[in-house]
């Protein structure tokens, strides 16, 4: 039977996947994953489940839902790290249960269910939390739901997760949102000349960026470049600068490895614009900044080939 490479999702993407699955099996009243006072992230639902664990005998009451994602494609319930995760979550749920009613507890994970250990973990939760309705929904059950709901597969592009150009979009999202929040208040728009450190004709020639697209960069994005440089260089934004460094490392490695599959470099920039927008719907209202940041990466020689003018 078909299995999807869910390990290729980011943690945030997996949470969103679990949210949608829960809306199908519990109902549309699901409250998406939010961070609680203890720092943990839980989804919540109150009411009668539409069809969980079955149509005829649905659970009801207050549900706590958690997602535990891993990038390990062969991970299972019996792995020591997952056992440790469950032990920690038991303590969290006991604290939550002491202050509010909980009737049902669901954990979604893309780990393989190993019969004996899986059953023991579920029983351990039931006994220590004093809760009857507990389930750990593993990789097999998640894949079963996906095979029955092709629209969910399409939402997360699960058929193409092995795409060699795939990147983790979470850092991109965080940096762009932080920049958008602060750009007008702290970092003034100042138009700066591009490529002072490299001959532009050489830069565009070796990367095969066409003239019309470069003019588009100058017309629409160049005015933001000084703001971005100041934002990333501000000591208080060090965490975002580190995220940016992670982004360009990942992007550059993917581009170098797969460069032969593209023609002009502008096709690469536009591919990643579409990719990030699809995987980060939170950026939809400020989607122009996705392109601005990609243009800045090219302008600053963080992605693409570069050749020092003096070396010529």
C-alpha atoms as a PDB file:
ATOM      1  CA  UNK A   1       0.000   0.000   0.000  1.00  0.00           C
ATOM      2  CA  UNK A   2       1.081   3.556  -0.730  1.00  0.00           C
ATOM      3  CA  UNK A   3       3.056   5.321   1.979  1.00  0.00           C
ATOM      4  CA  UNK A   4       3.915   9.002   1.903  1.00  0.00           C
ATOM      5  CA  UNK A   5       7.317  10.443   2.943  1.00  0.00           C
ATOM      6  CA  UNK A   6       5.867  12.366   5.874  1.00  0.00           C
ATOM      7  CA  UNK A   7       9.321  12.572   7.446  1.00  0.00           C
ATOM      8  CA  UNK A   8      10.141  15.174   4.782  1.00  0.00           C
ATOM      9  CA  UNK A   9       7.612  17.604   6.261  1.00  0.00           C
ATOM     10  CA  UNK A  10       8.718  20.249   8.735  1.00  0.00           C
ATOM     11  CA  UNK A  11       7.339  20.136  12.282  1.00  0.00           C
ATOM     12  CA  UNK A  12       4.987  23.030  11.486  1.00  0.00           C
ATOM     13  CA  UNK A  13       3.768  21.334   8.323  1.00  0.00           C
ATOM     14  CA  UNK A  14       3.104  18.129  10.223  1.00  0.00           C
ATOM     15  CA  UNK A  15       1.076  20.076  12.800  1.00  0.00           C
ATOM     16  CA  UNK A  16      -1.010  21.534   9.981  1.00  0.00           C
ATOM     17  CA  UNK A  17      -1.464  18.058   8.519  1.00  0.00           C
ATOM     18  CA  UNK A  18      -2.670  16.752  11.888  1.00  0.00           C
ATOM     19  CA  UNK A  19      -5.039  19.719  12.185  1.00  0.00           C
ATOM     20  CA  UNK A  20      -6.693  18.880   8.877  1.00  0.00           C
ATOM     21  CA  UNK A  21      -6.919  15.168   9.685  1.00  0.00           C
ATOM     22  CA  UNK A  22      -8.546  16.002  13.030  1.00  0.00           C
ATOM     23  CA  UNK A  23     -11.059  18.267  11.314  1.00  0.00           C
ATOM     24  CA  UNK A  24     -12.056  15.275   9.191  1.00  0.00           C
ATOM     25  CA  UNK A  25     -12.329  12.723  11.991  1.00  0.00           C
ATOM     26  CA  UNK A  26     -13.420  14.986  14.874  1.00  0.00           C
ATOM     27  CA  UNK A  27     -15.103  18.034  13.375  1.00  0.00           C
ATOM     28  CA  UNK A  28     -14.643  21.598  12.194  1.00  0.00           C
ATOM     29  CA  UNK A  29     -14.694  22.956  15.749  1.00  0.00           C
ATOM     30  CA  UNK A  30     -11.077  21.943  16.253  1.00  0.00           C
ATOM     31  CA  UNK A  31      -8.860  24.613  17.795  1.00  0.00           C
ATOM     32  CA  UNK A  32      -5.504  24.488  16.016  1.00  0.00           C
ATOM     33  CA  UNK A  33      -2.243  23.923  17.834  1.00  0.00           C
ATOM     34  CA  UNK A  34      -1.462  26.759  20.226  1.00  0.00           C
ATOM     35  CA  UNK A  35       1.251  27.177  22.811  1.00  0.00           C
ATOM     36  CA  UNK A  36       0.119  26.802  26.404  1.00  0.00           C
ATOM     37  CA  UNK A  37       1.475  28.341  29.606  1.00  0.00           C
ATOM     38  CA  UNK A  38       4.006  25.537  29.927  1.00  0.00           C
ATOM     39  CA  UNK A  39       5.343  26.094  26.407  1.00  0.00           C
ATOM     40  CA  UNK A  40       3.775  22.931  24.995  1.00  0.00           C
ATOM     41  CA  UNK A  41       1.589  23.062  21.892  1.00  0.00           C
ATOM     42  CA  UNK A  42      -1.773  21.325  21.926  1.00  0.00           C
ATOM     43  CA  UNK A  43      -4.777  21.126  19.646  1.00  0.00           C
ATOM     44  CA  UNK A  44      -8.199  21.072  21.267  1.00  0.00           C
ATOM     45  CA  UNK A  45     -11.687  19.922  20.410  1.00  0.00           C
ATOM     46  CA  UNK A  46     -14.873  19.781  22.437  1.00  0.00           C
ATOM     47  CA  UNK A  47     -17.983  17.907  21.377  1.00  0.00           C
ATOM     48  CA  UNK A  48     -18.864  14.597  19.759  1.00  0.00           C
ATOM     49  CA  UNK A  49     -16.337  13.292  17.254  1.00  0.00           C
ATOM     50  CA  UNK A  50     -17.723  12.817  13.763  1.00  0.00           C
ATOM     51  CA  UNK A  51     -16.118   9.437  13.246  1.00  0.00           C
ATOM     52  CA  UNK A  52     -13.447   8.667  15.795  1.00  0.00           C
ATOM     53  CA  UNK A  53     -12.753   5.975  16.695  1.00  0.00           C
ATOM     54  CA  UNK A  54     -15.791   4.972  14.588  1.00  0.00           C
ATOM     55  CA  UNK A  55     -19.059   6.341  13.240  1.00  0.00           C
ATOM     56  CA  UNK A  56     -21.122   4.161  15.553  1.00  0.00           C
ATOM     57  CA  UNK A  57     -19.148   4.704  18.765  1.00  0.00           C
ATOM     58  CA  UNK A  58     -17.572   8.165  18.641  1.00  0.00           C
ATOM     59  CA  UNK A  59     -15.701   9.634  21.569  1.00  0.00           C
ATOM     60  CA  UNK A  60     -17.094  12.805  23.086  1.00  0.00           C
ATOM     61  CA  UNK A  61     -16.129  15.507  25.534  1.00  0.00           C
ATOM     62  CA  UNK A  62     -12.888  17.463  25.649  1.00  0.00           C
ATOM     63  CA  UNK A  63     -10.007  16.338  23.458  1.00  0.00           C
ATOM     64  CA  UNK A  64      -6.316  17.195  23.741  1.00  0.00           C
ATOM     65  CA  UNK A  65      -4.380  16.543  20.519  1.00  0.00           C
ATOM     66  CA  UNK A  66      -0.610  16.527  20.128  1.00  0.00           C
ATOM     67  CA  UNK A  67       1.721  16.010  17.188  1.00  0.00           C
ATOM     68  CA  UNK A  68       5.166  14.428  17.494  1.00  0.00           C
ATOM     69  CA  UNK A  69       7.026  14.616  14.209  1.00  0.00           C
ATOM     70  CA  UNK A  70      10.372  13.087  13.308  1.00  0.00           C
ATOM     71  CA  UNK A  71      12.600  13.332  10.237  1.00  0.00           C
ATOM     72  CA  UNK A  72      13.742   9.748  10.763  1.00  0.00           C
ATOM     73  CA  UNK A  73      12.083   7.592   8.056  1.00  0.00           C
ATOM     74  CA  UNK A  74      12.497   4.386  10.083  1.00  0.00           C
ATOM     75  CA  UNK A  75      11.441   5.730  13.484  1.00  0.00           C
ATOM     76  CA  UNK A  76       9.116   3.595  15.599  1.00  0.00           C
ATOM     77  CA  UNK A  77       7.222   3.668  18.885  1.00  0.00           C
ATOM     78  CA  UNK A  78       9.949   1.554  20.486  1.00  0.00           C
ATOM     79  CA  UNK A  79      12.724   4.122  19.932  1.00  0.00           C
ATOM     80  CA  UNK A  80      14.095   5.371  23.283  1.00  0.00           C
ATOM     81  CA  UNK A  81      13.651   9.016  22.285  1.00  0.00           C
ATOM     82  CA  UNK A  82       9.925   8.491  21.692  1.00  0.00           C
ATOM     83  CA  UNK A  83       9.520   6.691  25.011  1.00  0.00           C
ATOM     84  CA  UNK A  84      11.172   9.711  26.656  1.00  0.00           C
ATOM     85  CA  UNK A  85       8.820  12.053  24.789  1.00  0.00           C
ATOM     86  CA  UNK A  86       5.810  10.133  26.081  1.00  0.00           C
ATOM     87  CA  UNK A  87       7.134  10.205  29.652  1.00  0.00           C
ATOM     88  CA  UNK A  88       7.523  13.995  29.485  1.00  0.00           C
ATOM     89  CA  UNK A  89       4.088  14.458  27.947  1.00  0.00           C
ATOM     90  CA  UNK A  90       2.497  12.359  30.671  1.00  0.00           C
ATOM     91  CA  UNK A  91       3.726  14.887  33.223  1.00  0.00           C
ATOM     92  CA  UNK A  92       2.404  17.776  31.114  1.00  0.00           C
ATOM     93  CA  UNK A  93      -1.013  16.212  30.674  1.00  0.00           C
ATOM     94  CA  UNK A  94      -1.276  15.446  34.397  1.00  0.00           C
ATOM     95  CA  UNK A  95      -0.697  19.136  35.126  1.00  0.00           C
ATOM     96  CA  UNK A  96      -3.258  20.215  32.524  1.00  0.00           C
ATOM     97  CA  UNK A  97      -5.775  17.673  33.814  1.00  0.00           C
ATOM     98  CA  UNK A  98      -5.412  19.034  37.339  1.00  0.00           C
ATOM     99  CA  UNK A  99      -6.819  22.387  36.209  1.00  0.00           C
ATOM    100  CA  UNK A 100      -9.304  21.427  33.492  1.00  0.00           C
ATOM    101  CA  UNK A 101     -11.404  18.484  32.390  1.00  0.00           C
ATOM    102  CA  UNK A 102      -9.908  16.150  29.786  1.00  0.00           C
ATOM    103  CA  UNK A 103     -11.865  13.222  28.394  1.00  0.00           C
ATOM    104  CA  UNK A 104      -9.795  12.165  25.388  1.00  0.00           C
ATOM    105  CA  UNK A 105      -6.099  12.329  24.520  1.00  0.00           C
ATOM    106  CA  UNK A 106      -4.732  11.779  20.992  1.00  0.00           C
ATOM    107  CA  UNK A 107      -1.077  11.765  19.952  1.00  0.00           C
ATOM    108  CA  UNK A 108      -0.224  11.784  16.240  1.00  0.00           C
ATOM    109  CA  UNK A 109       3.257  10.725  15.183  1.00  0.00           C
ATOM    110  CA  UNK A 110       4.865   9.619  11.935  1.00  0.00           C
ATOM    111  CA  UNK A 111       6.548   6.727  13.724  1.00  0.00           C
ATOM    112  CA  UNK A 112       5.713   3.092  13.013  1.00  0.00           C
ATOM    113  CA  UNK A 113       3.484   1.369  15.530  1.00  0.00           C
ATOM    114  CA  UNK A 114       5.313  -1.509  17.162  1.00  0.00           C
ATOM    115  CA  UNK A 115       2.606  -3.677  18.684  1.00  0.00           C
ATOM    116  CA  UNK A 116       3.800  -4.555  22.166  1.00  0.00           C
ATOM    117  CA  UNK A 117       5.627  -1.300  22.947  1.00  0.00           C
ATOM    118  CA  UNK A 118       2.865   0.807  21.428  1.00  0.00           C
ATOM    119  CA  UNK A 119       0.201  -0.894  23.503  1.00  0.00           C
ATOM    120  CA  UNK A 120       2.330  -0.540  26.638  1.00  0.00           C
ATOM    121  CA  UNK A 121       2.813   3.196  26.056  1.00  0.00           C
ATOM    122  CA  UNK A 122      -0.921   3.719  25.603  1.00  0.00           C
ATOM    123  CA  UNK A 123      -1.654   1.738  28.762  1.00  0.00           C
ATOM    124  CA  UNK A 124       1.002   3.697  30.657  1.00  0.00           C
ATOM    125  CA  UNK A 125      -0.667   6.980  29.703  1.00  0.00           C
ATOM    126  CA  UNK A 126      -4.093   5.678  30.690  1.00  0.00           C
ATOM    127  CA  UNK A 127      -2.916   4.549  34.111  1.00  0.00           C
ATOM    128  CA  UNK A 128      -0.700   7.502  35.021  1.00  0.00           C
ATOM    129  CA  UNK A 129      -3.046  10.201  33.735  1.00  0.00           C
ATOM    130  CA  UNK A 130      -6.170   8.312  34.857  1.00  0.00           C
ATOM    131  CA  UNK A 131      -7.803   8.600  31.462  1.00  0.00           C
ATOM    132  CA  UNK A 132      -9.674   5.892  29.549  1.00  0.00           C
ATOM    133  CA  UNK A 133      -9.755   7.328  26.030  1.00  0.00           C
ATOM    134  CA  UNK A 134      -6.136   7.481  24.869  1.00  0.00           C
ATOM    135  CA  UNK A 135      -4.639   6.676  21.475  1.00  0.00           C
ATOM    136  CA  UNK A 136      -1.287   7.085  19.754  1.00  0.00           C
ATOM    137  CA  UNK A 137      -1.987   7.373  16.035  1.00  0.00           C
ATOM    138  CA  UNK A 138       1.080   6.238  14.128  1.00  0.00           C
ATOM    139  CA  UNK A 139       2.395   6.280  10.588  1.00  0.00           C
ATOM    140  CA  UNK A 140       0.248   3.427   9.310  1.00  0.00           C
ATOM    141  CA  UNK A 141      -3.017   5.048  10.390  1.00  0.00           C
ATOM    142  CA  UNK A 142      -1.978   8.470   9.087  1.00  0.00           C
ATOM    143  CA  UNK A 143      -1.165   6.956   5.695  1.00  0.00           C
ATOM    144  CA  UNK A 144      -4.544   5.211   5.707  1.00  0.00           C
ATOM    145  CA  UNK A 145      -6.318   8.543   6.197  1.00  0.00           C
ATOM    146  CA  UNK A 146      -4.225  10.122   3.441  1.00  0.00           C
ATOM    147  CA  UNK A 147      -5.025   7.335   0.988  1.00  0.00           C
ATOM    148  CA  UNK A 148      -8.709   8.035   1.604  1.00  0.00           C
ATOM    149  CA  UNK A 149      -8.346  11.834   1.314  1.00  0.00           C
ATOM    150  CA  UNK A 150      -6.426  12.747  -1.803  1.00  0.00           C
ATOM    151  CA  UNK A 151      -7.193  16.442  -1.330  1.00  0.00           C
ATOM    152  CA  UNK A 152      -5.051  16.443   1.827  1.00  0.00           C
ATOM    153  CA  UNK A 153      -2.252  14.804  -0.151  1.00  0.00           C
ATOM    154  CA  UNK A 154      -2.505  17.624  -2.687  1.00  0.00           C
ATOM    155  CA  UNK A 155      -2.541  20.370  -0.057  1.00  0.00           C
ATOM    156  CA  UNK A 156       0.844  19.244   1.257  1.00  0.00           C
ATOM    157  CA  UNK A 157       2.171  18.127  -2.130  1.00  0.00           C
ATOM    158  CA  UNK A 158       2.940  14.761  -0.557  1.00  0.00           C
ATOM    159  CA  UNK A 159       3.416  13.100  -3.927  1.00  0.00           C
ATOM    160  CA  UNK A 160       6.416  15.343  -4.578  1.00  0.00           C
ATOM    161  CA  UNK A 161       8.059  15.477  -1.160  1.00  0.00           C
ATOM    162  CA  UNK A 162      11.144  13.761  -2.525  1.00  0.00           C
ATOM    163  CA  UNK A 163      11.655  16.741  -4.833  1.00  0.00           C
ATOM    164  CA  UNK A 164      15.441  17.394  -4.804  1.00  0.00           C
ATOM    165  CA  UNK A 165      14.802  21.153  -4.660  1.00  0.00           C
ATOM    166  CA  UNK A 166      12.714  20.917  -1.503  1.00  0.00           C
ATOM    167  CA  UNK A 167      13.793  23.153   1.398  1.00  0.00           C
ATOM    168  CA  UNK A 168      12.580  23.698   4.956  1.00  0.00           C
ATOM    169  CA  UNK A 169      10.494  26.893   4.756  1.00  0.00           C
ATOM    170  CA  UNK A 170      10.058  27.611   8.479  1.00  0.00           C
ATOM    171  CA  UNK A 171      13.144  29.828   8.852  1.00  0.00           C
ATOM    172  CA  UNK A 172      12.178  31.759   5.713  1.00  0.00           C
ATOM    173  CA  UNK A 173       8.760  32.466   7.186  1.00  0.00           C
ATOM    174  CA  UNK A 174      10.141  33.622  10.556  1.00  0.00           C
ATOM    175  CA  UNK A 175      12.708  35.995   9.031  1.00  0.00           C
ATOM    176  CA  UNK A 176      10.275  37.569   6.567  1.00  0.00           C
ATOM    177  CA  UNK A 177       7.561  38.108   9.183  1.00  0.00           C
ATOM    178  CA  UNK A 178      10.069  39.664  11.611  1.00  0.00           C
ATOM    179  CA  UNK A 179      11.432  41.946   8.895  1.00  0.00           C
ATOM    180  CA  UNK A 180       7.949  43.022   7.813  1.00  0.00           C
ATOM    181  CA  UNK A 181       7.054  43.879  11.412  1.00  0.00           C
ATOM    182  CA  UNK A 182      10.075  46.152  11.882  1.00  0.00           C
ATOM    183  CA  UNK A 183      11.072  47.440   8.459  1.00  0.00           C
ATOM    184  CA  UNK A 184       9.259  50.783   8.429  1.00  0.00           C
ATOM    185  CA  UNK A 185       9.811  51.746  12.061  1.00  0.00           C
ATOM    186  CA  UNK A 186      13.531  51.082  12.388  1.00  0.00           C
ATOM    187  CA  UNK A 187      15.168  50.630   8.997  1.00  0.00           C
ATOM    188  CA  UNK A 188      14.561  53.462   6.496  1.00  0.00           C
ATOM    189  CA  UNK A 189      14.333  52.827   2.767  1.00  0.00           C
ATOM    190  CA  UNK A 190      17.549  53.946   1.093  1.00  0.00           C
ATOM    191  CA  UNK A 191      18.236  53.075  -2.523  1.00  0.00           C
ATOM    192  CA  UNK A 192      21.723  51.601  -2.814  1.00  0.00           C
ATOM    193  CA  UNK A 193      23.681  50.721  -5.903  1.00  0.00           C
ATOM    194  CA  UNK A 194      23.717  46.985  -6.568  1.00  0.00           C
ATOM    195  CA  UNK A 195      26.771  44.808  -6.946  1.00  0.00           C
ATOM    196  CA  UNK A 196      29.480  47.250  -5.884  1.00  0.00           C
ATOM    197  CA  UNK A 197      31.615  44.235  -4.997  1.00  0.00           C
ATOM    198  CA  UNK A 198      31.178  42.435  -8.301  1.00  0.00           C
ATOM    199  CA  UNK A 199      30.769  43.365 -11.953  1.00  0.00           C
ATOM    200  CA  UNK A 200      27.061  43.072 -12.695  1.00  0.00           C
ATOM    201  CA  UNK A 201      27.497  41.883 -16.262  1.00  0.00           C
ATOM    202  CA  UNK A 202      29.788  39.121 -15.044  1.00  0.00           C
ATOM    203  CA  UNK A 203      27.420  38.216 -12.214  1.00  0.00           C
ATOM    204  CA  UNK A 204      24.398  37.937 -14.477  1.00  0.00           C
ATOM    205  CA  UNK A 205      26.298  36.202 -17.259  1.00  0.00           C
ATOM    206  CA  UNK A 206      27.744  33.396 -15.152  1.00  0.00           C
ATOM    207  CA  UNK A 207      24.352  32.816 -13.501  1.00  0.00           C
ATOM    208  CA  UNK A 208      22.313  33.255 -16.685  1.00  0.00           C
ATOM    209  CA  UNK A 209      19.985  35.889 -15.253  1.00  0.00           C
ATOM    210  CA  UNK A 210      18.312  37.713 -18.133  1.00  0.00           C
ATOM    211  CA  UNK A 211      18.315  41.499 -18.460  1.00  0.00           C
ATOM    212  CA  UNK A 212      14.560  41.957 -18.172  1.00  0.00           C
ATOM    213  CA  UNK A 213      14.438  40.057 -14.905  1.00  0.00           C
ATOM    214  CA  UNK A 214      17.367  41.993 -13.476  1.00  0.00           C
ATOM    215  CA  UNK A 215      15.569  45.233 -14.353  1.00  0.00           C
ATOM    216  CA  UNK A 216      12.570  43.832 -12.487  1.00  0.00           C
ATOM    217  CA  UNK A 217      14.816  43.277  -9.438  1.00  0.00           C
ATOM    218  CA  UNK A 218      15.993  46.891  -9.586  1.00  0.00           C
ATOM    219  CA  UNK A 219      12.505  48.294 -10.110  1.00  0.00           C
ATOM    220  CA  UNK A 220      10.652  46.301  -7.457  1.00  0.00           C
ATOM    221  CA  UNK A 221      13.099  44.991  -4.859  1.00  0.00           C
ATOM    222  CA  UNK A 222      16.294  47.023  -4.764  1.00  0.00           C
ATOM    223  CA  UNK A 223      14.826  49.704  -2.525  1.00  0.00           C
ATOM    224  CA  UNK A 224      14.486  47.145   0.304  1.00  0.00           C
ATOM    225  CA  UNK A 225      18.052  45.808   0.181  1.00  0.00           C
ATOM    226  CA  UNK A 226      19.587  48.339   2.601  1.00  0.00           C
ATOM    227  CA  UNK A 227      16.726  47.712   5.028  1.00  0.00           C
ATOM    228  CA  UNK A 228      17.317  43.970   4.906  1.00  0.00           C
ATOM    229  CA  UNK A 229      21.076  44.382   5.363  1.00  0.00           C
ATOM    230  CA  UNK A 230      20.522  46.653   8.379  1.00  0.00           C
ATOM    231  CA  UNK A 231      17.897  44.313   9.824  1.00  0.00           C
ATOM    232  CA  UNK A 232      20.144  41.257   9.555  1.00  0.00           C
ATOM    233  CA  UNK A 233      23.157  43.192  10.840  1.00  0.00           C
ATOM    234  CA  UNK A 234      21.391  44.527  13.924  1.00  0.00           C
ATOM    235  CA  UNK A 235      22.800  42.656  16.983  1.00  0.00           C
ATOM    236  CA  UNK A 236      19.338  42.295  18.497  1.00  0.00           C
ATOM    237  CA  UNK A 237      18.294  40.348  15.402  1.00  0.00           C
ATOM    238  CA  UNK A 238      21.067  37.770  15.719  1.00  0.00           C
ATOM    239  CA  UNK A 239      18.567  34.844  15.901  1.00  0.00           C
ATOM    240  CA  UNK A 240      17.043  35.956  12.601  1.00  0.00           C
ATOM    241  CA  UNK A 241      20.467  36.399  11.039  1.00  0.00           C
ATOM    242  CA  UNK A 242      21.294  32.818  12.040  1.00  0.00           C
ATOM    243  CA  UNK A 243      18.032  31.664  10.455  1.00  0.00           C
ATOM    244  CA  UNK A 244      18.966  33.593   7.318  1.00  0.00           C
ATOM    245  CA  UNK A 245      22.349  31.855   7.220  1.00  0.00           C
ATOM    246  CA  UNK A 246      20.586  28.494   7.484  1.00  0.00           C
ATOM    247  CA  UNK A 247      18.292  29.479   4.622  1.00  0.00           C
ATOM    248  CA  UNK A 248      21.062  30.484   2.235  1.00  0.00           C
ATOM    249  CA  UNK A 249      23.145  27.410   3.070  1.00  0.00           C
ATOM    250  CA  UNK A 250      20.217  25.151   2.233  1.00  0.00           C
ATOM    251  CA  UNK A 251      19.209  27.088  -0.871  1.00  0.00           C
ATOM    252  CA  UNK A 252      22.720  27.330  -2.270  1.00  0.00           C
ATOM    253  CA  UNK A 253      23.345  23.612  -1.793  1.00  0.00           C
ATOM    254  CA  UNK A 254      20.091  22.731  -3.581  1.00  0.00           C
ATOM    255  CA  UNK A 255      20.793  25.177  -6.405  1.00  0.00           C
ATOM    256  CA  UNK A 256      24.342  23.926  -6.964  1.00  0.00           C
ATOM    257  CA  UNK A 257      23.203  20.310  -6.967  1.00  0.00           C
ATOM    258  CA  UNK A 258      20.291  20.847  -9.360  1.00  0.00           C
ATOM    259  CA  UNK A 259      21.455  23.831 -11.439  1.00  0.00           C
ATOM    260  CA  UNK A 260      21.502  21.828 -14.676  1.00  0.00           C
ATOM    261  CA  UNK A 261      17.745  21.296 -14.430  1.00  0.00           C
ATOM    262  CA  UNK A 262      17.034  25.009 -14.956  1.00  0.00           C
ATOM    263  CA  UNK A 263      17.752  27.511 -17.701  1.00  0.00           C
ATOM    264  CA  UNK A 264      17.918  31.163 -16.709  1.00  0.00           C
ATOM    265  CA  UNK A 265      18.528  31.822 -13.017  1.00  0.00           C
ATOM    266  CA  UNK A 266      15.275  33.760 -12.813  1.00  0.00           C
ATOM    267  CA  UNK A 267      13.447  30.433 -13.158  1.00  0.00           C
ATOM    268  CA  UNK A 268      15.147  29.267  -9.947  1.00  0.00           C
ATOM    269  CA  UNK A 269      14.134  32.435  -8.112  1.00  0.00           C
ATOM    270  CA  UNK A 270      10.546  32.125  -9.310  1.00  0.00           C
ATOM    271  CA  UNK A 271      10.439  28.414  -8.465  1.00  0.00           C
ATOM    272  CA  UNK A 272      11.359  29.155  -4.853  1.00  0.00           C
ATOM    273  CA  UNK A 273       8.929  32.080  -4.704  1.00  0.00           C
ATOM    274  CA  UNK A 274       6.100  29.691  -5.618  1.00  0.00           C
ATOM    275  CA  UNK A 275       7.444  26.974  -3.317  1.00  0.00           C
ATOM    276  CA  UNK A 276       7.679  29.219  -0.248  1.00  0.00           C
ATOM    277  CA  UNK A 277       4.269  30.776  -0.873  1.00  0.00           C
ATOM    278  CA  UNK A 278       2.639  27.335  -1.128  1.00  0.00           C
ATOM    279  CA  UNK A 279       4.290  26.064   2.053  1.00  0.00           C
ATOM    280  CA  UNK A 280       3.942  29.282   4.077  1.00  0.00           C
ATOM    281  CA  UNK A 281       0.370  30.537   3.576  1.00  0.00           C
ATOM    282  CA  UNK A 282       0.948  32.916   6.509  1.00  0.00           C
ATOM    283  CA  UNK A 283       3.006  35.023   4.085  1.00  0.00           C
ATOM    284  CA  UNK A 284       0.183  35.471   1.581  1.00  0.00           C
ATOM    285  CA  UNK A 285      -0.569  39.070   2.607  1.00  0.00           C
ATOM    286  CA  UNK A 286       3.103  40.041   2.340  1.00  0.00           C
ATOM    287  CA  UNK A 287       4.065  37.682  -0.469  1.00  0.00           C
ATOM    288  CA  UNK A 288       5.986  40.429  -2.290  1.00  0.00           C
ATOM    289  CA  UNK A 289       8.614  40.153   0.452  1.00  0.00           C
ATOM    290  CA  UNK A 290       9.290  36.523  -0.478  1.00  0.00           C
ATOM    291  CA  UNK A 291      10.517  37.718  -3.852  1.00  0.00           C
ATOM    292  CA  UNK A 292      12.353  40.671  -2.277  1.00  0.00           C
ATOM    293  CA  UNK A 293      14.330  38.348   0.001  1.00  0.00           C
ATOM    294  CA  UNK A 294      15.182  35.972  -2.845  1.00  0.00           C
ATOM    295  CA  UNK A 295      16.345  38.936  -4.923  1.00  0.00           C
ATOM    296  CA  UNK A 296      18.421  40.174  -1.989  1.00  0.00           C
ATOM    297  CA  UNK A 297      20.080  36.767  -1.667  1.00  0.00           C
ATOM    298  CA  UNK A 298      21.062  36.932  -5.320  1.00  0.00           C
ATOM    299  CA  UNK A 299      22.174  40.567  -5.101  1.00  0.00           C
ATOM    300  CA  UNK A 300      24.352  39.899  -2.052  1.00  0.00           C
ATOM    301  CA  UNK A 301      25.883  36.791  -3.688  1.00  0.00           C
ATOM    302  CA  UNK A 302      24.482  34.519  -0.993  1.00  0.00           C
ATOM    303  CA  UNK A 303      23.031  32.314  -3.718  1.00  0.00           C
ATOM    304  CA  UNK A 304      24.248  31.761  -7.242  1.00  0.00           C
ATOM    305  CA  UNK A 305      27.776  31.820  -8.582  1.00  0.00           C
ATOM    306  CA  UNK A 306      30.009  34.782  -7.835  1.00  0.00           C
ATOM    307  CA  UNK A 307      33.241  35.976  -9.314  1.00  0.00           C
ATOM    308  CA  UNK A 308      35.384  38.688  -7.781  1.00  0.00           C
ATOM    309  CA  UNK A 309      36.063  41.483 -10.248  1.00  0.00           C
ATOM    310  CA  UNK A 310      39.689  41.676  -9.123  1.00  0.00           C
ATOM    311  CA  UNK A 311      40.132  38.004  -9.975  1.00  0.00           C
ATOM    312  CA  UNK A 312      39.487  38.865 -13.611  1.00  0.00           C
END
